[in-house]
Amino acid sequence: MLPYPDIDPVLIAFGPFKVRWYGLMYVLGFAATYFLVRRQLARFRWREMAERFDNLNLYLIIGVIAGGRLGYVLFYQPAYYLRHPLEIFATWQGGMSFHGGCLGVIVAGLLYCRYHRLSFWKAADLYVVTVPIGLGLGRIGNFINGELFGRTSDVPWAMVFPDGGPLPRHPSQLYEALLEGALLFCILWSLKHIPWRDEPSRFWPHGSMLALFLILYGVVRIVAEFFREPDPYLGFVVQGITMGQLLSIIMIAAGLVLWRLRLGKS
């Protein structure tokens, strides 16, 4: 068994103002996406998108935060927030859903691109290959916070989490950081730069990276959920299946449909 590292979730405090590691991870994730998307825009010389880049980023940030919060409210604790509706806005208390955030950012991007007559599929592919960086950093933030820990285990690297009781558990946040973050980024970023069907002059069909992200994220999330403790207020929603796995199955199905629709498109 390994000792859980004693890391203060608060990085810096100035009186009542506190900078938390988890918040810093969000900032670093947004920054990585910003610079990597800008790098791709320079490579592909998409002038119309470059001119509206900063405004689009603002819309996407709003979409991911609003979608993540509403997703958590609707998917995980609808009864609680129905009784306490004002707490829906209390994001500082925690409670964000990746699946909700994913849906929120897609809707925000779709509306912005349609209004400004930009290709949503091209824009989605530029952004989605960078998303795993933020996901991986976010999971590290979860680990520092000691939240979303794993199921009890006797593996040599199991840890006793401060809020997880006396039994050692899987550090499932680190599993997710590797799967949803490092592995997914390496796969998508590498595929992005491989010519479609071995033809050097052809790019992957627009929208294909988004489809692959939905499929691959769904797969790795389902795997990771087998090591993660189910949410105490939900448990298993269907015969040993967690809410995260159920939403990921839907996500995979959507990705497969999108892949089929975008296959052969340019």
C-alpha atoms as a PDB file:
ATOM      1  CA  MET A   1       0.000   0.000   0.000  1.00  0.00           C
ATOM      2  CA  LEU A   2       1.200   3.513  -0.823  1.00  0.00           C
ATOM      3  CA  PRO A   3       0.588   6.528   1.424  1.00  0.00           C
ATOM      4  CA  TYR A   4      -1.785   9.111   0.054  1.00  0.00           C
ATOM      5  CA  PRO A   5       0.323  12.261  -0.565  1.00  0.00           C
ATOM      6  CA  ASP A   6      -0.494  15.110   1.785  1.00  0.00           C
ATOM      7  CA  ILE A   7      -1.053  17.895  -0.757  1.00  0.00           C
ATOM      8  CA  ASP A   8      -3.023  20.938   0.324  1.00  0.00           C
ATOM      9  CA  PRO A   9      -5.830  21.473  -2.245  1.00  0.00           C
ATOM     10  CA  VAL A  10      -5.268  25.213  -1.819  1.00  0.00           C
ATOM     11  CA  LEU A  11      -2.185  26.262  -3.767  1.00  0.00           C
ATOM     12  CA  ILE A  12      -2.047  29.896  -2.655  1.00  0.00           C
ATOM     13  CA  ALA A  13      -4.223  31.876  -0.250  1.00  0.00           C
ATOM     14  CA  PHE A  14      -4.454  35.659   0.019  1.00  0.00           C
ATOM     15  CA  GLY A  15      -6.850  36.253   2.881  1.00  0.00           C
ATOM     16  CA  PRO A  16     -10.290  35.048   1.722  1.00  0.00           C
ATOM     17  CA  PHE A  17      -9.013  34.645  -1.846  1.00  0.00           C
ATOM     18  CA  LYS A  18      -7.771  31.123  -2.581  1.00  0.00           C
ATOM     19  CA  VAL A  19      -6.190  29.566  -5.650  1.00  0.00           C
ATOM     20  CA  ARG A  20      -6.853  25.835  -5.708  1.00  0.00           C
ATOM     21  CA  TRP A  21      -4.953  23.184  -7.593  1.00  0.00           C
ATOM     22  CA  TYR A  22      -8.205  22.031  -9.196  1.00  0.00           C
ATOM     23  CA  GLY A  23      -8.916  25.505 -10.559  1.00  0.00           C
ATOM     24  CA  LEU A  24      -5.339  25.780 -11.816  1.00  0.00           C
ATOM     25  CA  MET A  25      -5.803  22.527 -13.726  1.00  0.00           C
ATOM     26  CA  TYR A  26      -8.821  24.031 -15.511  1.00  0.00           C
ATOM     27  CA  VAL A  27      -6.769  27.086 -16.461  1.00  0.00           C
ATOM     28  CA  LEU A  28      -3.871  24.970 -17.731  1.00  0.00           C
ATOM     29  CA  GLY A  29      -6.267  22.808 -19.733  1.00  0.00           C
ATOM     30  CA  PHE A  30      -7.895  25.838 -21.378  1.00  0.00           C
ATOM     31  CA  ALA A  31      -4.452  27.310 -22.092  1.00  0.00           C
ATOM     32  CA  ALA A  32      -3.218  24.098 -23.728  1.00  0.00           C
ATOM     33  CA  THR A  33      -6.278  23.978 -25.960  1.00  0.00           C
ATOM     34  CA  TYR A  34      -5.862  27.652 -26.863  1.00  0.00           C
ATOM     35  CA  PHE A  35      -2.264  27.320 -28.013  1.00  0.00           C
ATOM     36  CA  LEU A  36      -2.648  23.956 -29.758  1.00  0.00           C
ATOM     37  CA  VAL A  37      -5.732  25.070 -31.687  1.00  0.00           C
ATOM     38  CA  ARG A  38      -3.987  28.294 -32.705  1.00  0.00           C
ATOM     39  CA  ARG A  39      -1.044  26.210 -33.886  1.00  0.00           C
ATOM     40  CA  GLN A  40      -3.348  24.114 -36.055  1.00  0.00           C
ATOM     41  CA  LEU A  41      -5.046  27.214 -37.463  1.00  0.00           C
ATOM     42  CA  ALA A  42      -1.661  28.528 -38.579  1.00  0.00           C
ATOM     43  CA  ARG A  43      -0.872  25.190 -40.188  1.00  0.00           C
ATOM     44  CA  PHE A  44      -4.158  24.900 -42.073  1.00  0.00           C
ATOM     45  CA  ARG A  45      -4.367  28.651 -42.821  1.00  0.00           C
ATOM     46  CA  TRP A  46      -8.043  28.926 -41.940  1.00  0.00           C
ATOM     47  CA  ARG A  47      -8.311  32.729 -41.910  1.00  0.00           C
ATOM     48  CA  GLU A  48     -12.065  33.009 -41.197  1.00  0.00           C
ATOM     49  CA  MET A  49     -11.738  30.865 -38.093  1.00  0.00           C
ATOM     50  CA  ALA A  50      -8.598  32.666 -36.902  1.00  0.00           C
ATOM     51  CA  GLU A  51     -10.416  36.005 -37.027  1.00  0.00           C
ATOM     52  CA  ARG A  52     -13.138  34.748 -34.673  1.00  0.00           C
ATOM     53  CA  PHE A  53     -10.939  32.498 -32.565  1.00  0.00           C
ATOM     54  CA  ASP A  54     -11.026  34.434 -29.280  1.00  0.00           C
ATOM     55  CA  ASN A  55     -14.811  34.940 -29.349  1.00  0.00           C
ATOM     56  CA  LEU A  56     -15.378  31.259 -30.102  1.00  0.00           C
ATOM     57  CA  ASN A  57     -13.186  30.303 -27.137  1.00  0.00           C
ATOM     58  CA  LEU A  58     -15.346  32.412 -24.837  1.00  0.00           C
ATOM     59  CA  TYR A  59     -18.498  30.672 -26.067  1.00  0.00           C
ATOM     60  CA  LEU A  60     -16.910  27.245 -25.594  1.00  0.00           C
ATOM     61  CA  ILE A  61     -15.769  28.023 -22.045  1.00  0.00           C
ATOM     62  CA  ILE A  62     -19.289  29.146 -21.152  1.00  0.00           C
ATOM     63  CA  GLY A  63     -20.694  26.029 -22.823  1.00  0.00           C
ATOM     64  CA  VAL A  64     -18.448  23.604 -20.963  1.00  0.00           C
ATOM     65  CA  ILE A  65     -19.074  25.211 -17.559  1.00  0.00           C
ATOM     66  CA  ALA A  66     -22.853  25.584 -18.010  1.00  0.00           C
ATOM     67  CA  GLY A  67     -23.199  22.137 -19.569  1.00  0.00           C
ATOM     68  CA  GLY A  68     -21.007  20.508 -16.939  1.00  0.00           C
ATOM     69  CA  ARG A  69     -23.040  21.975 -14.105  1.00  0.00           C
ATOM     70  CA  LEU A  70     -26.466  21.284 -15.630  1.00  0.00           C
ATOM     71  CA  GLY A  71     -25.359  17.786 -16.554  1.00  0.00           C
ATOM     72  CA  TYR A  72     -24.386  17.091 -12.953  1.00  0.00           C
ATOM     73  CA  VAL A  73     -27.723  18.458 -11.729  1.00  0.00           C
ATOM     74  CA  LEU A  74     -29.817  16.446 -14.208  1.00  0.00           C
ATOM     75  CA  PHE A  75     -27.804  13.211 -14.394  1.00  0.00           C
ATOM     76  CA  TYR A  76     -26.609  12.779 -10.827  1.00  0.00           C
ATOM     77  CA  GLN A  77     -28.737  14.632  -8.247  1.00  0.00           C
ATOM     78  CA  PRO A  78     -31.961  15.921  -9.855  1.00  0.00           C
ATOM     79  CA  ALA A  79     -34.105  15.287  -6.756  1.00  0.00           C
ATOM     80  CA  TYR A  80     -31.744  17.232  -4.488  1.00  0.00           C
ATOM     81  CA  TYR A  81     -31.562  20.272  -6.757  1.00  0.00           C
ATOM     82  CA  LEU A  82     -35.305  20.186  -7.321  1.00  0.00           C
ATOM     83  CA  ARG A  83     -35.615  20.763  -3.569  1.00  0.00           C
ATOM     84  CA  HIS A  84     -32.749  23.316  -3.506  1.00  0.00           C
ATOM     85  CA  PRO A  85     -32.893  25.103  -6.894  1.00  0.00           C
ATOM     86  CA  LEU A  86     -30.735  28.064  -5.831  1.00  0.00           C
ATOM     87  CA  GLU A  87     -27.806  25.698  -5.209  1.00  0.00           C
ATOM     88  CA  ILE A  88     -27.679  24.922  -8.919  1.00  0.00           C
ATOM     89  CA  PHE A  89     -25.628  28.105  -9.251  1.00  0.00           C
ATOM     90  CA  ALA A  90     -23.279  27.243  -6.364  1.00  0.00           C
ATOM     91  CA  THR A  91     -20.553  25.814  -8.608  1.00  0.00           C
ATOM     92  CA  TRP A  92     -17.894  26.566  -5.968  1.00  0.00           C
ATOM     93  CA  GLN A  93     -19.349  23.701  -3.916  1.00  0.00           C
ATOM     94  CA  GLY A  94     -18.315  21.251  -6.644  1.00  0.00           C
ATOM     95  CA  GLY A  95     -20.341  19.062  -8.926  1.00  0.00           C
ATOM     96  CA  MET A  96     -19.537  18.975 -12.657  1.00  0.00           C
ATOM     97  CA  SER A  97     -20.375  16.306 -15.219  1.00  0.00           C
ATOM     98  CA  PHE A  98     -18.020  15.619 -18.107  1.00  0.00           C
ATOM     99  CA  HIS A  99     -20.828  14.282 -20.267  1.00  0.00           C
ATOM    100  CA  GLY A 100     -22.882  17.403 -19.613  1.00  0.00           C
ATOM    101  CA  GLY A 101     -19.869  19.604 -20.337  1.00  0.00           C
ATOM    102  CA  CYS A 102     -19.249  17.722 -23.588  1.00  0.00           C
ATOM    103  CA  LEU A 103     -22.834  18.281 -24.696  1.00  0.00           C
ATOM    104  CA  GLY A 104     -22.698  21.941 -23.622  1.00  0.00           C
ATOM    105  CA  VAL A 105     -19.523  22.707 -25.563  1.00  0.00           C
ATOM    106  CA  ILE A 106     -20.862  20.974 -28.687  1.00  0.00           C
ATOM    107  CA  VAL A 107     -24.083  22.999 -28.567  1.00  0.00           C
ATOM    108  CA  ALA A 108     -22.183  26.259 -27.961  1.00  0.00           C
ATOM    109  CA  GLY A 109     -19.779  25.549 -30.816  1.00  0.00           C
ATOM    110  CA  LEU A 110     -22.579  24.525 -33.166  1.00  0.00           C
ATOM    111  CA  LEU A 111     -24.578  27.705 -32.484  1.00  0.00           C
ATOM    112  CA  TYR A 112     -21.540  29.971 -32.851  1.00  0.00           C
ATOM    113  CA  CYS A 113     -20.324  28.351 -36.063  1.00  0.00           C
ATOM    114  CA  ARG A 114     -23.773  28.349 -37.612  1.00  0.00           C
ATOM    115  CA  TYR A 115     -24.337  32.030 -36.781  1.00  0.00           C
ATOM    116  CA  HIS A 116     -20.961  33.064 -38.221  1.00  0.00           C
ATOM    117  CA  ARG A 117     -21.139  30.591 -41.134  1.00  0.00           C
ATOM    118  CA  LEU A 118     -18.075  28.618 -40.113  1.00  0.00           C
ATOM    119  CA  SER A 119     -17.672  24.859 -40.584  1.00  0.00           C
ATOM    120  CA  PHE A 120     -18.624  23.291 -37.259  1.00  0.00           C
ATOM    121  CA  TRP A 121     -17.046  19.970 -38.234  1.00  0.00           C
ATOM    122  CA  LYS A 122     -13.682  21.534 -39.076  1.00  0.00           C
ATOM    123  CA  ALA A 123     -13.706  23.549 -35.861  1.00  0.00           C
ATOM    124  CA  ALA A 124     -14.717  20.524 -33.771  1.00  0.00           C
ATOM    125  CA  ASP A 125     -11.815  18.483 -35.103  1.00  0.00           C
ATOM    126  CA  LEU A 126      -9.334  21.249 -34.284  1.00  0.00           C
ATOM    127  CA  TYR A 127     -10.505  21.459 -30.683  1.00  0.00           C
ATOM    128  CA  VAL A 128     -11.373  17.887 -29.788  1.00  0.00           C
ATOM    129  CA  VAL A 129      -7.864  16.500 -30.291  1.00  0.00           C
ATOM    130  CA  THR A 130      -6.652  18.862 -27.544  1.00  0.00           C
ATOM    131  CA  VAL A 131      -9.433  18.158 -25.035  1.00  0.00           C
ATOM    132  CA  PRO A 132      -7.740  15.121 -23.402  1.00  0.00           C
ATOM    133  CA  ILE A 133      -5.028  17.388 -21.975  1.00  0.00           C
ATOM    134  CA  GLY A 134      -7.610  19.223 -19.890  1.00  0.00           C
ATOM    135  CA  LEU A 135      -9.292  15.962 -18.931  1.00  0.00           C
ATOM    136  CA  GLY A 136      -6.042  14.481 -17.670  1.00  0.00           C
ATOM    137  CA  LEU A 137      -5.182  17.607 -15.688  1.00  0.00           C
ATOM    138  CA  GLY A 138      -8.679  17.683 -14.218  1.00  0.00           C
ATOM    139  CA  ARG A 139      -8.295  14.118 -12.953  1.00  0.00           C
ATOM    140  CA  ILE A 140      -5.034  15.061 -11.282  1.00  0.00           C
ATOM    141  CA  GLY A 141      -6.982  17.863  -9.607  1.00  0.00           C
ATOM    142  CA  ASN A 142      -9.536  15.287  -8.412  1.00  0.00           C
ATOM    143  CA  PHE A 143      -6.679  13.233  -6.952  1.00  0.00           C
ATOM    144  CA  ILE A 144      -5.247  16.216  -5.074  1.00  0.00           C
ATOM    145  CA  ASN A 145      -8.729  16.953  -3.710  1.00  0.00           C
ATOM    146  CA  GLY A 146      -9.045  13.333  -2.568  1.00  0.00           C
ATOM    147  CA  GLU A 147     -12.377  12.998  -4.405  1.00  0.00           C
ATOM    148  CA  LEU A 148     -13.788  10.489  -6.917  1.00  0.00           C
ATOM    149  CA  PHE A 149     -11.536   7.802  -5.442  1.00  0.00           C
ATOM    150  CA  GLY A 150     -11.587   4.154  -6.437  1.00  0.00           C
ATOM    151  CA  ARG A 151     -13.100   0.989  -5.072  1.00  0.00           C
ATOM    152  CA  THR A 152     -11.451  -0.917  -2.247  1.00  0.00           C
ATOM    153  CA  SER A 153      -8.462  -2.970  -3.352  1.00  0.00           C
ATOM    154  CA  ASP A 154      -5.389  -4.845  -2.124  1.00  0.00           C
ATOM    155  CA  VAL A 155      -3.090  -3.912  -5.038  1.00  0.00           C
ATOM    156  CA  PRO A 156       0.348  -2.695  -3.883  1.00  0.00           C
ATOM    157  CA  TRP A 157      -0.351   0.876  -5.033  1.00  0.00           C
ATOM    158  CA  ALA A 158      -3.729   1.186  -3.266  1.00  0.00           C
ATOM    159  CA  MET A 159      -4.166   4.199  -0.974  1.00  0.00           C
ATOM    160  CA  VAL A 160      -6.290   5.210   2.000  1.00  0.00           C
ATOM    161  CA  PHE A 161      -8.052   8.422   0.985  1.00  0.00           C
ATOM    162  CA  PRO A 162      -8.976  10.970   3.694  1.00  0.00           C
ATOM    163  CA  ASP A 163     -12.703  10.728   2.932  1.00  0.00           C
ATOM    164  CA  GLY A 164     -12.729   7.138   1.729  1.00  0.00           C
ATOM    165  CA  GLY A 165     -12.825   5.283   5.029  1.00  0.00           C
ATOM    166  CA  PRO A 166     -10.102   3.093   6.574  1.00  0.00           C
ATOM    167  CA  LEU A 167      -9.703   0.663   3.652  1.00  0.00           C
ATOM    168  CA  PRO A 168      -7.155   1.120   0.841  1.00  0.00           C
ATOM    169  CA  ARG A 169      -8.593   1.994  -2.567  1.00  0.00           C
ATOM    170  CA  HIS A 170      -7.597   2.238  -6.206  1.00  0.00           C
ATOM    171  CA  PRO A 171      -6.204   5.688  -7.093  1.00  0.00           C
ATOM    172  CA  SER A 172      -8.700   5.652  -9.947  1.00  0.00           C
ATOM    173  CA  GLN A 173      -8.268   9.375 -10.610  1.00  0.00           C
ATOM    174  CA  LEU A 174      -4.725   8.603 -11.802  1.00  0.00           C
ATOM    175  CA  TYR A 175      -5.995   5.744 -13.970  1.00  0.00           C
ATOM    176  CA  GLU A 176      -8.405   8.184 -15.582  1.00  0.00           C
ATOM    177  CA  ALA A 177      -5.677  10.800 -15.997  1.00  0.00           C
ATOM    178  CA  LEU A 178      -3.641   8.259 -17.969  1.00  0.00           C
ATOM    179  CA  LEU A 179      -6.539   6.841 -19.988  1.00  0.00           C
ATOM    180  CA  GLU A 180      -8.693   9.911 -20.626  1.00  0.00           C
ATOM    181  CA  GLY A 181      -5.718  12.244 -20.743  1.00  0.00           C
ATOM    182  CA  ALA A 182      -2.352  10.925 -21.911  1.00  0.00           C
ATOM    183  CA  LEU A 183      -3.510   7.893 -23.908  1.00  0.00           C
ATOM    184  CA  LEU A 184      -6.435   9.607 -25.621  1.00  0.00           C
ATOM    185  CA  PHE A 185      -4.354  12.670 -26.514  1.00  0.00           C
ATOM    186  CA  CYS A 186      -1.557  10.544 -28.012  1.00  0.00           C
ATOM    187  CA  ILE A 187      -4.030   8.565 -30.139  1.00  0.00           C
ATOM    188  CA  LEU A 188      -6.039  11.523 -31.437  1.00  0.00           C
ATOM    189  CA  TRP A 189      -3.092  13.874 -31.983  1.00  0.00           C
ATOM    190  CA  SER A 190      -1.201  11.148 -33.856  1.00  0.00           C
ATOM    191  CA  LEU A 191      -4.171  10.191 -36.035  1.00  0.00           C
ATOM    192  CA  LYS A 192      -4.819  13.860 -36.819  1.00  0.00           C
ATOM    193  CA  HIS A 193      -1.457  14.021 -38.602  1.00  0.00           C
ATOM    194  CA  ILE A 194      -1.752  10.734 -40.488  1.00  0.00           C
ATOM    195  CA  PRO A 195      -3.081  11.159 -44.058  1.00  0.00           C
ATOM    196  CA  TRP A 196      -6.535   9.730 -44.694  1.00  0.00           C
ATOM    197  CA  ARG A 197      -6.283   6.324 -46.410  1.00  0.00           C
ATOM    198  CA  ASP A 198      -2.531   6.786 -46.971  1.00  0.00           C
ATOM    199  CA  GLU A 199      -3.092   9.632 -49.451  1.00  0.00           C
ATOM    200  CA  PRO A 200      -0.655  12.455 -48.489  1.00  0.00           C
ATOM    201  CA  SER A 201      -2.820  15.182 -50.013  1.00  0.00           C
ATOM    202  CA  ARG A 202      -6.018  14.190 -48.162  1.00  0.00           C
ATOM    203  CA  PHE A 203      -7.069  15.006 -44.620  1.00  0.00           C
ATOM    204  CA  TRP A 204      -9.406  12.976 -42.476  1.00  0.00           C
ATOM    205  CA  PRO A 205     -13.097  13.685 -43.219  1.00  0.00           C
ATOM    206  CA  HIS A 206     -14.253  16.711 -41.221  1.00  0.00           C
ATOM    207  CA  GLY A 207     -16.019  15.535 -38.082  1.00  0.00           C
ATOM    208  CA  SER A 208     -14.125  12.244 -37.913  1.00  0.00           C
ATOM    209  CA  MET A 209     -11.920  13.353 -35.007  1.00  0.00           C
ATOM    210  CA  LEU A 210     -15.018  14.324 -33.040  1.00  0.00           C
ATOM    211  CA  ALA A 211     -16.567  10.935 -33.775  1.00  0.00           C
ATOM    212  CA  LEU A 212     -13.391   9.114 -32.712  1.00  0.00           C
ATOM    213  CA  PHE A 213     -13.189  11.146 -29.528  1.00  0.00           C
ATOM    214  CA  LEU A 214     -16.755  10.240 -28.562  1.00  0.00           C
ATOM    215  CA  ILE A 215     -16.085   6.550 -29.210  1.00  0.00           C
ATOM    216  CA  LEU A 216     -12.653   6.312 -27.577  1.00  0.00           C
ATOM    217  CA  TYR A 217     -13.512   8.437 -24.560  1.00  0.00           C
ATOM    218  CA  GLY A 218     -16.611   6.332 -23.983  1.00  0.00           C
ATOM    219  CA  VAL A 219     -14.516   3.157 -24.058  1.00  0.00           C
ATOM    220  CA  VAL A 220     -11.779   4.341 -21.672  1.00  0.00           C
ATOM    221  CA  ARG A 221     -14.343   5.872 -19.304  1.00  0.00           C
ATOM    222  CA  ILE A 222     -16.244   2.590 -19.116  1.00  0.00           C
ATOM    223  CA  VAL A 223     -12.997   0.773 -18.299  1.00  0.00           C
ATOM    224  CA  ALA A 224     -11.996   3.327 -15.656  1.00  0.00           C
ATOM    225  CA  GLU A 225     -15.416   3.168 -13.987  1.00  0.00           C
ATOM    226  CA  PHE A 226     -14.805  -0.476 -13.067  1.00  0.00           C
ATOM    227  CA  PHE A 227     -12.115   0.776 -10.655  1.00  0.00           C
ATOM    228  CA  ARG A 228     -13.938   3.895  -9.446  1.00  0.00           C
ATOM    229  CA  GLU A 229     -16.267   3.926  -6.457  1.00  0.00           C
ATOM    230  CA  PRO A 230     -19.844   4.604  -7.634  1.00  0.00           C
ATOM    231  CA  ASP A 231     -21.341   7.885  -6.501  1.00  0.00           C
ATOM    232  CA  PRO A 232     -22.791   7.285  -3.006  1.00  0.00           C
ATOM    233  CA  TYR A 233     -26.068   9.042  -3.824  1.00  0.00           C
ATOM    234  CA  LEU A 234     -26.588   6.933  -6.973  1.00  0.00           C
ATOM    235  CA  GLY A 235     -24.753   3.651  -6.660  1.00  0.00           C
ATOM    236  CA  PHE A 236     -25.309   1.367  -9.637  1.00  0.00           C
ATOM    237  CA  VAL A 237     -28.099   2.586 -11.885  1.00  0.00           C
ATOM    238  CA  VAL A 238     -28.610  -0.670 -13.828  1.00  0.00           C
ATOM    239  CA  GLN A 239     -27.306  -4.130 -12.809  1.00  0.00           C
ATOM    240  CA  GLY A 240     -23.736  -3.167 -11.892  1.00  0.00           C
ATOM    241  CA  ILE A 241     -23.569  -0.285 -14.385  1.00  0.00           C
ATOM    242  CA  THR A 242     -22.721   3.190 -13.093  1.00  0.00           C
ATOM    243  CA  MET A 243     -24.191   6.422 -14.397  1.00  0.00           C
ATOM    244  CA  GLY A 244     -20.811   7.269 -15.953  1.00  0.00           C
ATOM    245  CA  GLN A 245     -20.827   3.980 -17.856  1.00  0.00           C
ATOM    246  CA  LEU A 246     -24.427   4.406 -18.986  1.00  0.00           C
ATOM    247  CA  LEU A 247     -23.735   7.884 -20.329  1.00  0.00           C
ATOM    248  CA  SER A 248     -20.554   6.604 -21.987  1.00  0.00           C
ATOM    249  CA  ILE A 249     -22.478   3.856 -23.781  1.00  0.00           C
ATOM    250  CA  ILE A 250     -24.772   6.544 -25.206  1.00  0.00           C
ATOM    251  CA  MET A 251     -21.683   8.555 -26.122  1.00  0.00           C
ATOM    252  CA  ILE A 252     -20.153   5.619 -28.007  1.00  0.00           C
ATOM    253  CA  ALA A 253     -23.396   5.059 -29.903  1.00  0.00           C
ATOM    254  CA  ALA A 254     -23.501   8.732 -30.893  1.00  0.00           C
ATOM    255  CA  GLY A 255     -19.870   8.554 -32.021  1.00  0.00           C
ATOM    256  CA  LEU A 256     -20.525   5.493 -34.181  1.00  0.00           C
ATOM    257  CA  VAL A 257     -23.509   7.164 -35.840  1.00  0.00           C
ATOM    258  CA  LEU A 258     -21.487  10.340 -36.439  1.00  0.00           C
ATOM    259  CA  TRP A 259     -18.583   8.332 -37.867  1.00  0.00           C
ATOM    260  CA  ARG A 260     -20.914   6.635 -40.297  1.00  0.00           C
ATOM    261  CA  LEU A 261     -22.452   9.957 -41.348  1.00  0.00           C
ATOM    262  CA  ARG A 262     -19.119  11.727 -41.794  1.00  0.00           C
ATOM    263  CA  LEU A 263     -17.269   8.826 -43.466  1.00  0.00           C
ATOM    264  CA  GLY A 264     -16.178   9.891 -46.911  1.00  0.00           C
ATOM    265  CA  LYS A 265     -16.993  13.570 -46.277  1.00  0.00           C
ATOM    266  CA  SER A 266     -14.401  16.286 -46.905  1.00  0.00           C
END
